[in-house]
Amino acid sequence: MTEYAHPEVLVDTNWVVDHLHDPNVRLVESNEDILLYNTGHIPGAIKIDWVADLNDPVTRDYITRERFEQLLGAKGIGNDTTVVFYGDKNNWWATYALWVFKLFGHKDTRILNGGRAKWIAEGRELTKDVPAYTPVKYSALERDDTKIRVFQRQVLEHIKQSDAALVDVRSPQEYSGERLHMPEYPQEGALRGGHIPKAENIPWAQAVREDSTFKSRAELEQLYGGKGITPDKDVVAYCRIGERSSHTWFVLTYLLGYPKVRNYDGSWTEWGNMVGAPIEKTYQPS
């Protein structure tokens, strides 16, 4: 893993085993399937629910600084705690949770390379015991939505810039306009199909191997650079609701070291429903 731009953001299963009882490390499981944690998780891991814990229940936005402080404090996570995220589906919701933590400035955040799939494939221990940690005081920064997050109005300006790059990380069927959601999911979330003008389609899961670990730096550079997504550009990634694109944001930011990458979490559920938003569509029904 030393080949990556920031190899310190990835840990392997052996590292986790060695730190299972480290009071300065907190394992956080975040899954698409919010019931999966209860079927068995890494000993000592806590659950972060991407809906109930990280999203505001009324406003289409993330929780406030005060609620973030309460959440982490109640989980026994301090400002200096090393937080290691992992989950199902190639860690896509794990990277999403990490991205939200970064909005509030948490310093030491990492990903278990391979996630749940690799831990289970190696026959490592799972437990149904839910740990209880002594609450601590956590002090978060005011949420910063400027460096790693982008909004619809900014994307409208972004596509006009010569150095702008957009990565549509959805499936080819969503990108073409054939589908409104991933294959084998309900067709929901937008009135129109297609993609944002200038966007290149690089499905998020192409960044990982069959065992859910990340591909090598050389493979990733070829994957993104081959589509013109290069480190000299201002890059915006998007999907349907921002979770798959957080995975690509993580890859470009930490594994390849791109200096300016932002996640458009409004993504296609916003863009595909927005009056007057320009779209491109390549799918033509027969």
Protein backbone atom coordinates (compact mmCIF):
# COMPACT_ATOMS: atom_id res chain seq x y z
CA MET A 1 0.00 0.00 0.00
CA THR A 2 3.05 2.28 0.18
CA GLU A 3 2.69 3.08 -3.53
CA TYR A 4 -0.36 5.28 -2.92
CA ALA A 5 -0.11 9.02 -2.46
CA HIS A 6 -1.34 8.71 1.14
CA PRO A 7 -0.81 5.07 2.16
CA GLU A 8 -1.52 5.89 5.80
CA VAL A 9 -5.27 6.13 5.08
CA LEU A 10 -5.53 2.40 4.43
CA VAL A 11 -5.14 -0.38 6.97
CA ASP A 12 -5.26 -4.11 6.37
CA THR A 13 -6.94 -6.86 8.37
CA ASN A 14 -3.74 -7.70 10.24
CA TRP A 15 -3.45 -4.09 11.39
CA VAL A 16 -7.01 -4.24 12.70
CA VAL A 17 -6.31 -7.46 14.61
CA ASP A 18 -3.27 -5.84 16.21
CA HIS A 19 -5.37 -2.83 17.30
CA LEU A 20 -8.60 -4.50 18.44
CA HIS A 21 -7.93 -3.44 22.02
CA ASP A 22 -6.22 -0.15 21.29
CA PRO A 23 -8.14 2.57 23.20
CA ASN A 24 -6.99 5.16 20.67
CA VAL A 25 -8.62 3.32 17.76
CA ARG A 26 -12.33 3.10 17.04
CA LEU A 27 -13.71 0.78 14.35
CA VAL A 28 -16.82 2.11 12.62
CA GLU A 29 -19.03 -0.08 10.45
CA SER A 30 -21.24 1.70 7.95
CA ASN A 31 -23.29 -0.33 5.47
CA GLU A 32 -25.90 0.05 2.79
CA ASP A 33 -27.83 -2.65 4.64
CA ILE A 34 -28.43 -0.98 7.99
CA LEU A 35 -29.37 -4.34 9.58
CA LEU A 36 -26.14 -6.08 8.57
CA TYR A 37 -24.19 -4.93 11.64
CA ASN A 38 -26.53 -6.88 13.91
CA THR A 39 -25.79 -10.16 12.10
CA GLY A 40 -22.13 -9.95 13.12
CA HIS A 41 -19.38 -7.34 13.10
CA ILE A 42 -15.72 -6.95 13.97
CA PRO A 43 -15.29 -7.09 17.76
CA GLY A 44 -15.36 -3.62 19.26
CA ALA A 45 -16.82 -1.97 16.17
CA ILE A 46 -19.61 0.55 16.50
CA LYS A 47 -22.30 1.24 13.94
CA ILE A 48 -22.81 4.53 12.14
CA ASP A 49 -26.17 4.61 10.32
CA TRP A 50 -25.77 6.79 7.23
CA VAL A 51 -29.44 7.86 7.42
CA ALA A 52 -30.24 8.12 11.12
CA ASP A 53 -26.84 9.28 12.33
CA LEU A 54 -25.38 11.48 9.59
CA ASN A 55 -28.35 13.02 7.81
CA ASP A 56 -30.67 15.69 9.15
CA PRO A 57 -34.17 14.18 9.48
CA VAL A 58 -35.91 17.23 7.96
CA THR A 59 -33.52 19.32 5.88
CA ARG A 60 -31.81 17.68 2.89
CA ASP A 61 -28.42 18.11 4.49
CA TYR A 62 -26.06 16.62 7.03
CA ILE A 63 -26.28 17.02 10.78
CA THR A 64 -25.12 20.16 12.54
CA ARG A 65 -21.81 20.56 14.31
CA GLU A 66 -23.55 20.19 17.68
CA ARG A 67 -25.19 16.91 16.69
CA PHE A 68 -21.93 15.62 15.24
CA GLU A 69 -20.19 16.40 18.53
CA GLN A 70 -22.92 14.57 20.44
CA LEU A 71 -22.76 11.56 18.11
CA LEU A 72 -19.01 11.10 18.37
CA GLY A 73 -18.85 11.89 22.07
CA ALA A 74 -21.51 9.28 22.82
CA LYS A 75 -19.54 6.68 20.83
CA GLY A 76 -16.40 7.37 22.84
CA ILE A 77 -14.62 9.02 19.91
CA GLY A 78 -12.34 11.89 20.86
CA ASN A 79 -10.63 14.45 18.67
CA ASP A 80 -7.43 12.39 18.63
CA THR A 81 -9.08 9.01 18.06
CA THR A 82 -8.02 7.07 14.98
CA VAL A 83 -11.29 6.15 13.27
CA VAL A 84 -11.19 3.16 10.92
CA PHE A 85 -14.23 2.76 8.67
CA TYR A 86 -15.34 -0.41 6.93
CA GLY A 87 -18.54 -1.84 5.50
CA ASP A 88 -20.29 -3.78 2.78
CA LYS A 89 -20.35 -3.22 -0.99
CA ASN A 90 -16.64 -2.46 -1.42
CA ASN A 91 -16.72 0.07 1.42
CA TRP A 92 -18.91 2.54 -0.45
CA TRP A 93 -20.83 3.66 2.65
CA ALA A 94 -17.65 3.52 4.70
CA THR A 95 -16.05 6.10 2.42
CA TYR A 96 -19.27 8.12 2.58
CA ALA A 97 -19.10 8.21 6.39
CA LEU A 98 -15.42 9.13 6.22
CA TRP A 99 -16.26 11.97 3.83
CA VAL A 100 -18.85 13.36 6.28
CA PHE A 101 -16.32 13.11 9.11
CA LYS A 102 -13.93 15.16 6.98
CA LEU A 103 -16.59 17.86 6.51
CA PHE A 104 -16.26 18.39 10.27
CA GLY A 105 -12.47 18.21 10.24
CA HIS A 106 -11.81 14.93 12.03
CA LYS A 107 -8.09 14.38 11.56
CA ASP A 108 -7.27 10.68 11.61
CA THR A 109 -9.69 8.74 9.41
CA ARG A 110 -8.82 5.49 7.64
CA ILE A 111 -10.39 2.69 5.63
CA LEU A 112 -10.05 -1.05 6.21
CA ASN A 113 -8.93 -2.16 2.76
CA GLY A 114 -11.36 -4.84 1.59
CA GLY A 115 -14.02 -4.05 4.17
CA ARG A 116 -16.42 -6.64 5.56
CA ALA A 117 -15.94 -8.92 2.57
CA LYS A 118 -12.22 -9.41 3.10
CA TRP A 119 -12.54 -9.77 6.88
CA ILE A 120 -15.15 -12.51 6.45
CA ALA A 121 -13.31 -14.18 3.55
CA GLU A 122 -10.28 -14.61 5.80
CA GLY A 123 -12.43 -16.34 8.41
CA ARG A 124 -11.82 -13.72 11.06
CA GLU A 125 -13.91 -13.29 14.18
CA LEU A 126 -17.36 -11.70 14.13
CA THR A 127 -19.51 -10.89 17.13
CA LYS A 128 -23.05 -9.74 17.80
CA ASP A 129 -22.01 -8.02 21.02
CA VAL A 130 -22.57 -4.27 20.86
CA PRO A 131 -19.77 -2.45 22.68
CA ALA A 132 -20.41 0.39 25.11
CA TYR A 133 -17.74 3.06 25.41
CA THR A 134 -17.39 5.74 28.04
CA PRO A 135 -18.72 9.02 26.60
CA VAL A 136 -16.15 11.74 25.96
CA LYS A 137 -16.24 15.39 25.01
CA TYR A 138 -15.76 16.00 21.30
CA SER A 139 -15.14 19.43 19.76
CA ALA A 140 -15.78 19.64 16.02
CA LEU A 141 -14.94 22.38 13.60
CA GLU A 142 -17.78 24.28 11.99
CA ARG A 143 -18.74 22.12 9.03
CA ASP A 144 -16.75 23.13 5.95
CA ASP A 145 -18.73 22.67 2.74
CA THR A 146 -16.21 24.44 0.51
CA LYS A 147 -13.21 22.14 0.08
CA ILE A 148 -14.66 18.70 -0.57
CA ARG A 149 -18.35 19.35 -1.26
CA VAL A 150 -20.00 21.08 -4.20
CA PHE A 151 -23.57 22.27 -4.78
CA GLN A 152 -25.78 22.34 -7.86
CA ARG A 153 -25.25 26.04 -8.60
CA GLN A 154 -21.49 25.50 -8.47
CA VAL A 155 -21.72 22.54 -10.86
CA LEU A 156 -23.60 24.74 -13.32
CA GLU A 157 -20.61 27.08 -13.32
CA HIS A 158 -18.12 24.22 -13.18
CA ILE A 159 -19.15 22.76 -16.54
CA LYS A 160 -18.35 26.10 -18.19
CA GLN A 161 -14.70 26.03 -17.11
CA SER A 162 -11.94 24.77 -19.41
CA ASP A 163 -10.07 22.97 -16.63
CA ALA A 164 -13.20 21.35 -15.22
CA ALA A 165 -13.57 17.58 -15.04
CA LEU A 166 -16.67 15.63 -14.02
CA VAL A 167 -16.79 11.95 -13.13
CA ASP A 168 -20.15 10.21 -13.33
CA VAL A 169 -19.49 7.10 -11.26
CA ARG A 170 -22.86 5.44 -11.90
CA SER A 171 -23.51 2.41 -14.07
CA PRO A 172 -23.35 2.81 -17.87
CA GLN A 173 -27.13 2.36 -18.02
CA GLU A 174 -27.68 5.29 -15.65
CA TYR A 175 -25.14 7.42 -17.50
CA SER A 176 -26.77 6.79 -20.88
CA GLY A 177 -30.24 7.56 -19.55
CA GLU A 178 -31.58 4.03 -19.91
CA ARG A 179 -32.06 3.69 -16.16
CA LEU A 180 -32.71 6.01 -13.22
CA HIS A 181 -31.05 3.74 -10.68
CA MET A 182 -28.52 0.93 -10.58
CA PRO A 183 -29.50 -2.36 -12.21
CA GLU A 184 -31.61 -4.54 -9.89
CA TYR A 185 -32.74 -1.56 -7.84
CA PRO A 186 -36.15 0.17 -8.09
CA GLN A 187 -36.40 2.79 -10.81
CA GLU A 188 -36.75 5.87 -8.64
CA GLY A 189 -35.27 9.19 -7.68
CA ALA A 190 -35.39 11.33 -10.82
CA LEU A 191 -37.79 12.43 -13.52
CA ARG A 192 -35.20 12.26 -16.28
CA GLY A 193 -32.29 10.02 -17.12
CA GLY A 194 -28.92 10.93 -18.56
CA HIS A 195 -25.80 12.67 -17.32
CA ILE A 196 -24.36 16.13 -16.70
CA PRO A 197 -22.68 17.63 -19.79
CA LYS A 198 -18.90 17.04 -19.95
CA ALA A 199 -19.07 14.13 -17.51
CA GLU A 200 -16.99 11.01 -18.13
CA ASN A 201 -18.45 7.68 -17.04
CA ILE A 202 -16.12 5.70 -14.76
CA PRO A 203 -18.22 3.37 -12.58
CA TRP A 204 -17.04 3.57 -8.99
CA ALA A 205 -16.48 -0.17 -8.45
CA GLN A 206 -13.88 -0.30 -11.24
CA ALA A 207 -11.46 1.03 -8.62
CA VAL A 208 -11.50 -2.22 -6.63
CA ARG A 209 -10.50 -5.84 -7.17
CA GLU A 210 -12.74 -8.88 -6.77
CA ASP A 211 -11.73 -9.18 -3.11
CA SER A 212 -12.93 -5.57 -2.50
CA THR A 213 -9.42 -4.19 -2.02
CA PHE A 214 -8.33 -1.17 -4.01
CA LYS A 215 -6.45 -1.62 -7.27
CA SER A 216 -2.84 -0.52 -7.55
CA ARG A 217 -1.90 3.10 -8.07
CA ALA A 218 -0.76 2.36 -11.63
CA GLU A 219 -4.10 0.71 -12.44
CA LEU A 220 -6.03 3.61 -10.94
CA GLU A 221 -3.97 6.21 -12.81
CA GLN A 222 -4.72 4.41 -16.04
CA LEU A 223 -8.41 4.08 -15.20
CA TYR A 224 -8.96 7.78 -14.51
CA GLY A 225 -6.21 9.34 -16.57
CA GLY A 226 -7.36 7.39 -19.60
CA LYS A 227 -10.63 9.31 -19.45
CA GLY A 228 -8.97 12.69 -18.94
CA ILE A 229 -9.52 12.80 -15.17
CA THR A 230 -6.05 14.05 -14.29
CA PRO A 231 -4.55 15.75 -11.22
CA ASP A 232 -4.13 19.11 -12.96
CA LYS A 233 -7.92 19.51 -13.20
CA ASP A 234 -10.66 20.64 -10.85
CA VAL A 235 -12.58 17.40 -10.40
CA VAL A 236 -16.20 16.89 -9.34
CA ALA A 237 -17.59 13.40 -8.77
CA TYR A 238 -21.29 12.53 -8.62
CA CYS A 239 -23.65 9.55 -8.66
CA ARG A 240 -27.32 9.35 -7.62
CA ILE A 241 -27.24 10.50 -3.99
CA GLY A 242 -23.53 11.00 -3.29
CA GLU A 243 -22.48 7.68 -1.74
CA ARG A 244 -20.83 5.99 -4.73
CA SER A 245 -19.13 9.25 -5.66
CA SER A 246 -17.65 9.54 -2.15
CA HIS A 247 -15.81 6.31 -2.93
CA THR A 248 -14.33 7.85 -6.08
CA TRP A 249 -13.57 11.06 -4.15
CA PHE A 250 -11.60 8.93 -1.66
CA VAL A 251 -9.65 7.17 -4.42
CA LEU A 252 -8.74 10.36 -6.27
CA THR A 253 -7.93 12.35 -3.13
CA TYR A 254 -6.02 9.85 -1.01
CA LEU A 255 -4.82 7.05 -3.24
CA LEU A 256 -3.87 9.20 -6.24
CA GLY A 257 -3.26 12.48 -4.43
CA TYR A 258 -5.33 14.77 -6.65
CA PRO A 259 -5.25 18.26 -5.09
CA LYS A 260 -8.82 19.35 -5.85
CA VAL A 261 -11.65 16.82 -5.78
CA ARG A 262 -15.16 17.55 -4.57
CA ASN A 263 -18.22 15.39 -4.11
CA TYR A 264 -21.56 16.56 -5.50
CA ASP A 265 -23.84 14.78 -3.04
CA GLY A 266 -27.01 16.26 -4.55
CA SER A 267 -26.06 14.19 -7.59
CA TRP A 268 -28.63 12.87 -10.04
CA THR A 269 -31.62 12.94 -7.68
CA GLU A 270 -31.20 16.72 -7.68
CA TRP A 271 -29.89 17.32 -11.19
CA GLY A 272 -32.37 15.00 -12.88
CA ASN A 273 -35.29 16.76 -11.20
CA MET A 274 -34.07 20.35 -11.54
CA VAL A 275 -35.99 22.68 -13.83
CA GLY A 276 -33.76 23.98 -16.60
CA ALA A 277 -30.73 21.82 -15.83
CA PRO A 278 -28.84 20.77 -18.98
CA ILE A 279 -28.45 17.05 -19.52
CA GLU A 280 -27.01 14.74 -22.12
CA LYS A 281 -28.55 11.40 -23.00
CA THR A 282 -27.17 8.73 -25.31
CA TYR A 283 -29.76 5.99 -24.82
CA GLN A 284 -32.24 5.62 -27.65
CA PRO A 285 -35.05 3.08 -27.02
CA SER A 286 -35.64 0.76 -29.94
